[in-house]
C-alpha atoms as a PDB file:
ATOM      1  CA  MET A   1     -46.048 -33.566  35.723  1.00  0.00           C
ATOM      2  CA  GLU A   2     -42.466 -35.133  36.793  1.00  0.00           C
ATOM      3  CA  PRO A   3     -39.830 -32.092  36.994  1.00  0.00           C
ATOM      4  CA  ILE A   4     -36.675 -32.997  35.139  1.00  0.00           C
ATOM      5  CA  ILE A   5     -33.607 -34.580  36.731  1.00  0.00           C
ATOM      6  CA  PHE A   6     -30.717 -33.237  35.063  1.00  0.00           C
ATOM      7  CA  GLY A   7     -27.429 -35.219  34.264  1.00  0.00           C
ATOM      8  CA  ILE A   8     -23.998 -33.937  34.407  1.00  0.00           C
ATOM      9  CA  GLY A   9     -23.496 -32.405  31.138  1.00  0.00           C
ATOM     10  CA  SER A  10     -26.922 -31.649  30.659  1.00  0.00           C
ATOM     11  CA  ARG A  11     -27.446 -28.176  28.784  1.00  0.00           C
ATOM     12  CA  VAL A  12     -30.166 -25.937  30.024  1.00  0.00           C
ATOM     13  CA  LYS A  13     -31.431 -22.151  30.262  1.00  0.00           C
ATOM     14  CA  HIS A  14     -32.281 -19.934  32.949  1.00  0.00           C
ATOM     15  CA  ALA A  15     -34.603 -16.822  32.641  1.00  0.00           C
ATOM     16  CA  GLU A  16     -31.879 -14.541  34.304  1.00  0.00           C
ATOM     17  CA  PHE A  17     -28.429 -16.425  33.620  1.00  0.00           C
ATOM     18  CA  GLY A  18     -28.915 -17.632  30.260  1.00  0.00           C
ATOM     19  CA  GLU A  19     -27.746 -20.828  28.720  1.00  0.00           C
ATOM     20  CA  GLY A  20     -25.529 -23.099  30.617  1.00  0.00           C
ATOM     21  CA  VAL A  21     -24.250 -26.522  31.283  1.00  0.00           C
ATOM     22  CA  VAL A  22     -25.049 -28.621  34.636  1.00  0.00           C
ATOM     23  CA  ILE A  23     -21.370 -29.564  36.233  1.00  0.00           C
ATOM     24  CA  GLN A  24     -22.480 -30.705  39.512  1.00  0.00           C
ATOM     25  CA  ILE A  25     -25.124 -32.517  40.906  1.00  0.00           C
ATOM     26  CA  THR A  26     -26.469 -32.408  44.715  1.00  0.00           C
ATOM     27  CA  SER A  27     -29.569 -33.917  46.438  1.00  0.00           C
ATOM     28  CA  TYR A  28     -30.985 -30.610  46.861  1.00  0.00           C
ATOM     29  CA  ALA A  29     -29.275 -28.456  43.618  1.00  0.00           C
ATOM     30  CA  TYR A  30     -27.566 -28.300  40.452  1.00  0.00           C
ATOM     31  CA  THR A  31     -24.266 -26.534  39.981  1.00  0.00           C
ATOM     32  CA  VAL A  32     -24.383 -25.076  36.275  1.00  0.00           C
ATOM     33  CA  THR A  33     -22.035 -23.127  34.575  1.00  0.00           C
ATOM     34  CA  PHE A  34     -23.636 -20.373  32.646  1.00  0.00           C
ATOM     35  CA  MET A  35     -22.079 -18.944  29.769  1.00  0.00           C
ATOM     36  CA  LYS A  36     -22.559 -15.427  30.557  1.00  0.00           C
ATOM     37  CA  VAL A  37     -22.494 -14.929  34.473  1.00  0.00           C
ATOM     38  CA  GLY A  38     -19.976 -17.973  35.115  1.00  0.00           C
ATOM     39  CA  ILE A  39     -21.002 -20.895  37.722  1.00  0.00           C
ATOM     40  CA  ARG A  40     -24.125 -20.283  39.769  1.00  0.00           C
ATOM     41  CA  GLU A  41     -26.187 -23.171  42.331  1.00  0.00           C
ATOM     42  CA  ILE A  42     -29.600 -23.657  41.450  1.00  0.00           C
ATOM     43  CA  GLY A  43     -32.025 -25.203  43.847  1.00  0.00           C
ATOM     44  CA  ALA A  44     -33.092 -28.601  42.275  1.00  0.00           C
ATOM     45  CA  ASP A  45     -36.410 -27.650  42.980  1.00  0.00           C
ATOM     46  CA  SER A  46     -36.814 -24.625  42.266  1.00  0.00           C
ATOM     47  CA  GLY A  47     -37.881 -25.131  38.262  1.00  0.00           C
ATOM     48  CA  LYS A  48     -35.994 -22.286  37.246  1.00  0.00           C
ATOM     49  CA  LEU A  49     -33.720 -24.513  34.615  1.00  0.00           C
ATOM     50  CA  GLU A  50     -35.637 -25.260  31.529  1.00  0.00           C
ATOM     51  CA  ASN A  51     -34.196 -28.261  29.505  1.00  0.00           C
ATOM     52  CA  LEU A  52     -32.210 -28.140  26.199  1.00  0.00           C
ATOM     53  CA  ASP A  53     -30.333 -30.949  25.597  1.00  0.00           C
ATOM     54  CA  THR A  54     -30.569 -33.549  28.889  1.00  0.00           C
ATOM     55  CA  ALA A  55     -27.434 -35.941  29.532  1.00  0.00           C
ATOM     56  CA  GLU A  56     -28.293 -39.062  31.105  1.00  0.00           C
ATOM     57  CA  LEU A  57     -28.478 -38.838  34.922  1.00  0.00           C
ATOM     58  CA  GLU A  58     -26.008 -41.131  36.648  1.00  0.00           C
ATOM     59  CA  ASN A  59     -27.008 -43.806  39.698  1.00  0.00           C
ATOM     60  CA  ASP A  60     -24.577 -41.806  41.945  1.00  0.00           C
ATOM     61  CA  LEU A  61     -25.525 -38.344  42.923  1.00  0.00           C
ATOM     62  CA  VAL A  62     -22.428 -37.847  45.462  1.00  0.00           C
ATOM     63  CA  SER A  63     -20.105 -35.130  43.797  1.00  0.00           C
ATOM     64  CA  LEU A  64     -16.406 -34.976  43.716  1.00  0.00           C
ATOM     65  CA  PHE A  65     -16.209 -32.110  46.021  1.00  0.00           C
ATOM     66  CA  ASP A  66     -18.799 -34.206  48.501  1.00  0.00           C
ATOM     67  CA  VAL A  67     -16.161 -37.374  48.545  1.00  0.00           C
ATOM     68  CA  GLU A  68     -13.281 -35.200  49.269  1.00  0.00           C
ATOM     69  CA  ARG A  69     -15.304 -33.633  52.056  1.00  0.00           C
ATOM     70  CA  ILE A  70     -16.088 -36.703  53.673  1.00  0.00           C
ATOM     71  CA  PHE A  71     -12.844 -38.325  53.360  1.00  0.00           C
ATOM     72  CA  THR A  72     -11.099 -35.194  54.814  1.00  0.00           C
ATOM     73  CA  SER A  73     -12.800 -35.452  57.368  1.00  0.00           C
ATOM     74  CA  LEU A  74     -12.450 -39.140  58.201  1.00  0.00           C
ATOM     75  CA  LEU A  75      -8.673 -38.934  57.824  1.00  0.00           C
ATOM     76  CA  ARG A  76      -8.709 -35.753  60.413  1.00  0.00           C
ATOM     77  CA  LYS A  77     -10.792 -37.824  62.708  1.00  0.00           C
ATOM     78  CA  PHE A  78      -9.053 -41.177  62.735  1.00  0.00           C
ATOM     79  CA  SER A  79      -5.447 -40.548  61.432  1.00  0.00           C
ATOM     80  CA  ASP A  80      -2.238 -38.339  62.306  1.00  0.00           C
ATOM     81  CA  VAL A  81      -2.009 -36.769  58.805  1.00  0.00           C
ATOM     82  CA  GLN A  82      -1.379 -33.513  59.078  1.00  0.00           C
ATOM     83  CA  GLU A  83      -3.168 -30.710  57.308  1.00  0.00           C
ATOM     84  CA  THR A  84      -1.549 -27.949  55.664  1.00  0.00           C
ATOM     85  CA  VAL A  85      -1.212 -24.694  57.938  1.00  0.00           C
ATOM     86  CA  VAL A  86       0.082 -21.793  56.885  1.00  0.00           C
ATOM     87  CA  LEU A  87       2.732 -19.406  59.138  1.00  0.00           C
ATOM     88  CA  ALA A  88       1.670 -15.811  58.867  1.00  0.00           C
ATOM     89  CA  PRO A  89       3.783 -14.152  56.716  1.00  0.00           C
ATOM     90  CA  LYS A  90       5.352 -11.916  59.380  1.00  0.00           C
ATOM     91  CA  TRP A  91       7.206 -14.617  60.866  1.00  0.00           C
ATOM     92  CA  GLN A  92       7.834 -16.745  57.823  1.00  0.00           C
ATOM     93  CA  GLY A  93      12.107 -16.659  57.887  1.00  0.00           C
ATOM     94  CA  GLY A  94      12.154 -15.383  61.322  1.00  0.00           C
ATOM     95  CA  LYS A  95      13.804 -16.851  64.686  1.00  0.00           C
ATOM     96  CA  LEU A  96      12.806 -17.933  68.187  1.00  0.00           C
ATOM     97  CA  LEU A  97      15.522 -16.906  70.590  1.00  0.00           C
ATOM     98  CA  MET A  98      15.110 -18.588  74.101  1.00  0.00           C
ATOM     99  CA  GLN A  99      17.635 -16.396  76.381  1.00  0.00           C
ATOM    100  CA  PRO A 100      18.793 -18.144  79.864  1.00  0.00           C
ATOM    101  CA  ALA A 101      18.554 -15.818  83.216  1.00  0.00           C
ATOM    102  CA  ASP A 102      22.111 -17.031  83.815  1.00  0.00           C
ATOM    103  CA  LYS A 103      24.247 -15.136  81.422  1.00  0.00           C
ATOM    104  CA  ASN A 104      26.891 -17.762  81.464  1.00  0.00           C
ATOM    105  CA  LEU A 105      24.695 -20.123  79.277  1.00  0.00           C
ATOM    106  CA  LYS A 106      24.237 -19.559  75.662  1.00  0.00           C
ATOM    107  CA  PRO A 107      21.291 -18.849  74.073  1.00  0.00           C
ATOM    108  CA  LYS A 108      19.150 -21.181  71.763  1.00  0.00           C
ATOM    109  CA  GLU A 109      17.929 -20.163  68.504  1.00  0.00           C
ATOM    110  CA  VAL A 110      15.079 -22.006  66.813  1.00  0.00           C
ATOM    111  CA  PRO A 111      13.504 -21.249  63.098  1.00  0.00           C
ATOM    112  CA  ILE A 112       9.931 -20.075  63.627  1.00  0.00           C
ATOM    113  CA  ASP A 113       8.893 -22.507  60.770  1.00  0.00           C
ATOM    114  CA  THR A 114      10.057 -25.457  62.692  1.00  0.00           C
ATOM    115  CA  PHE A 115       8.602 -24.122  66.381  1.00  0.00           C
ATOM    116  CA  PHE A 116       5.273 -23.345  64.435  1.00  0.00           C
ATOM    117  CA  GLN A 117       5.152 -26.865  62.549  1.00  0.00           C
ATOM    118  CA  LYS A 118       5.830 -28.300  66.249  1.00  0.00           C
ATOM    119  CA  ILE A 119       2.765 -26.258  67.543  1.00  0.00           C
ATOM    120  CA  VAL A 120       0.502 -27.497  64.379  1.00  0.00           C
ATOM    121  CA  MET A 121       1.457 -31.404  65.370  1.00  0.00           C
ATOM    122  CA  LEU A 122       0.823 -30.810  68.919  1.00  0.00           C
ATOM    123  CA  ARG A 123      -2.696 -29.061  67.768  1.00  0.00           C
ATOM    124  CA  ASP A 124      -3.192 -31.671  65.380  1.00  0.00           C
ATOM    125  CA  ARG A 125      -2.652 -34.772  67.580  1.00  0.00           C
ATOM    126  CA  LEU A 126      -5.041 -33.214  70.539  1.00  0.00           C
ATOM    127  CA  ARG A 127      -7.813 -33.152  67.831  1.00  0.00           C
ATOM    128  CA  VAL A 128      -7.151 -37.050  66.866  1.00  0.00           C
ATOM    129  CA  LEU A 129      -7.184 -37.467  71.127  1.00  0.00           C
ATOM    130  CA  GLU A 130     -10.239 -35.651  70.921  1.00  0.00           C
ATOM    131  CA  GLN A 131     -12.012 -37.718  68.383  1.00  0.00           C
ATOM    132  CA  ARG A 132     -10.572 -41.019  69.848  1.00  0.00           C
ATOM    133  CA  VAL A 133     -12.418 -39.875  73.315  1.00  0.00           C
ATOM    134  CA  ASN A 134     -15.460 -39.267  71.633  1.00  0.00           C
ATOM    135  CA  SER A 135     -15.794 -42.236  69.571  1.00  0.00           C
ATOM    136  CA  ASN A 136     -14.239 -44.628  72.185  1.00  0.00           C
ATOM    137  CA  ASP A 137     -17.327 -46.870  73.461  1.00  0.00           C
ATOM    138  CA  LYS A 138     -15.717 -48.390  77.138  1.00  0.00           C
ATOM    139  CA  LEU A 139     -15.523 -44.640  78.103  1.00  0.00           C
ATOM    140  CA  SER A 140     -18.901 -43.728  80.168  1.00  0.00           C
ATOM    141  CA  ASP A 141     -20.106 -40.187  78.737  1.00  0.00           C
ATOM    142  CA  GLU A 142     -19.059 -38.810  82.255  1.00  0.00           C
ATOM    143  CA  GLU A 143     -15.563 -39.414  81.417  1.00  0.00           C
ATOM    144  CA  LYS A 144     -15.867 -38.496  77.852  1.00  0.00           C
ATOM    145  CA  VAL A 145     -17.092 -35.017  79.262  1.00  0.00           C
ATOM    146  CA  ASN A 146     -14.368 -35.219  81.711  1.00  0.00           C
ATOM    147  CA  MET A 147     -11.487 -35.693  79.290  1.00  0.00           C
ATOM    148  CA  GLN A 148     -13.180 -33.363  76.582  1.00  0.00           C
ATOM    149  CA  GLN A 149     -12.755 -30.781  79.123  1.00  0.00           C
ATOM    150  CA  TYR A 150      -9.358 -31.290  79.839  1.00  0.00           C
ATOM    151  CA  ILE A 151      -8.512 -31.310  76.182  1.00  0.00           C
ATOM    152  CA  THR A 152     -10.176 -27.926  75.826  1.00  0.00           C
ATOM    153  CA  ARG A 153      -8.199 -26.521  78.649  1.00  0.00           C
ATOM    154  CA  CYS A 154      -5.193 -27.737  76.440  1.00  0.00           C
ATOM    155  CA  TYR A 155      -6.298 -25.672  73.563  1.00  0.00           C
ATOM    156  CA  GLY A 156      -7.034 -22.599  75.695  1.00  0.00           C
ATOM    157  CA  SER A 157      -3.430 -22.880  77.348  1.00  0.00           C
ATOM    158  CA  LEU A 158      -2.089 -22.709  73.584  1.00  0.00           C
ATOM    159  CA  THR A 159      -3.813 -19.426  72.211  1.00  0.00           C
ATOM    160  CA  THR A 160      -0.757 -17.850  73.112  1.00  0.00           C
ATOM    161  CA  PHE A 161       0.704 -19.206  69.874  1.00  0.00           C
ATOM    162  CA  ASN A 162      -2.717 -18.256  67.729  1.00  0.00           C
ATOM    163  CA  ILE A 163      -0.226 -15.097  66.479  1.00  0.00           C
ATOM    164  CA  LEU A 164       1.626 -17.624  64.439  1.00  0.00           C
ATOM    165  CA  PHE A 165      -1.337 -18.443  62.280  1.00  0.00           C
ATOM    166  CA  LYS A 166      -1.980 -17.152  58.921  1.00  0.00           C
ATOM    167  CA  ASN A 167      -5.513 -17.835  59.049  1.00  0.00           C
ATOM    168  CA  ASN A 168      -8.200 -17.381  61.832  1.00  0.00           C
ATOM    169  CA  GLU A 169      -9.532 -20.776  61.613  1.00  0.00           C
ATOM    170  CA  ASP A 170      -6.510 -22.592  62.319  1.00  0.00           C
ATOM    171  CA  HIS A 171      -6.447 -20.697  65.696  1.00  0.00           C
ATOM    172  CA  PHE A 172      -6.689 -22.762  69.087  1.00  0.00           C
ATOM    173  CA  VAL A 173      -9.769 -22.099  70.970  1.00  0.00           C
ATOM    174  CA  GLY A 174     -10.315 -22.838  74.640  1.00  0.00           C
ATOM    175  CA  ASP A 175     -13.252 -22.746  76.926  1.00  0.00           C
ATOM    176  CA  LYS A 176     -15.285 -19.623  75.980  1.00  0.00           C
ATOM    177  CA  SER A 177     -17.246 -19.347  78.647  1.00  0.00           C
ATOM    178  CA  SER A 178     -14.463 -18.476  81.432  1.00  0.00           C
END
């Protein structure tokens, strides 16, 4: 017997979670909002969903989430678009004071928010450079590896500034073997 393929909007029943509605489809799973337990992902081949009312299946099984993820990835790789990166709360509103050794010279104050945005722009431009090096068909593999190692060392030189980032996944990461 051929398994039922549910479309978005299909009403289904699950033995453990009760009744729900299919809200997203991927090639491997259904995302279902259940009345009692909220949103759950159920394997498409699990056979755990009983049909209550099948909505017509769309031809395109790509979800909005998948499309967003693909476009975000492409924008990061091939543009100078900057993603939103959050400054750690302890630094918000703070300032960076650069004091020259010569006491006759005036110190320079820079808002940390401004300094942080410059660091983020540098990080994002290094990422774009990295992608352009990797996708360049005129460079040999050896040249790409050498340039990639140099870029990685640049990231490593910037790890000092990781204290400014709120989220660890935004940190600079250098060569972990050294």
